[in-house]
Amino acid sequence: MQPIYVSQVGSTYRNKLNSMMDHVWDGFYSGQLRLSRFPTVINVNQQVWDLTYTGTPAKKQTFKLFHEDPTKGVTIRIAYPSAMSVSVLKDDRVVEYNRWDDTLQSYGPIKQTKCGENRYIGVKNILEFYITGGCMIKIQPRNAIQTLVRMEWTLEDFYAKGGTTTFVDRLAGSLGIHASTIKVVSVY
């Protein structure tokens, strides 16, 4: 069994995960004859755990918290090295991100109300989700890119030149996608 690394930074705890050895090598990579497993121990009395990997996080992952009390849970945070966006599934159904919070300019924080509650912090590329005892969560890539765009001119000038409609049309044209696939959350 691989060692489990646990450290504390403020009120956040960290686990560094390493997959079990595959024992078959194909040059630089393992032979990938079986799915990688990342067993770890988590204290559910701590509110937030940052999971980091010794390698790149897998695109598709499954999490299950083994605990006899289904009301006990923990928030898991995973930082991704790329700008990919992910979906969280519970019972093979997508659980939507928390509602957008205009004051935070981000999806609302995890309140730990139900298993599968989640948010993706774009630009920082951090997924947060809440998992409870006995609950199974799947993570898979989502066909979307989330970004934060900062442009500087006055609001009067922005809206005088077509506002969000013109912005969406120009962005869609430059990306080569349909304007209906772009959502402007706020302008401030």
Foldseek 3Di string as FASTA:
>chain_A
DDDWDWDDDPLEIETEWEWDDPPADDPPHHPPPDDTDTDDDDDLVRAEYEYHYPDADDQKDKDAAADPDQLGKYKYKYFHPDQWDKFKDWPNHTDDAACQDPVVNAHDDDPQPDFFHWGAGGPRGMIMTMHGHGTMMMMHTDPDGDDDDDDDDDPVVCVVVPHPVVVLVVVCVVVVHDSVVDDDDDDD
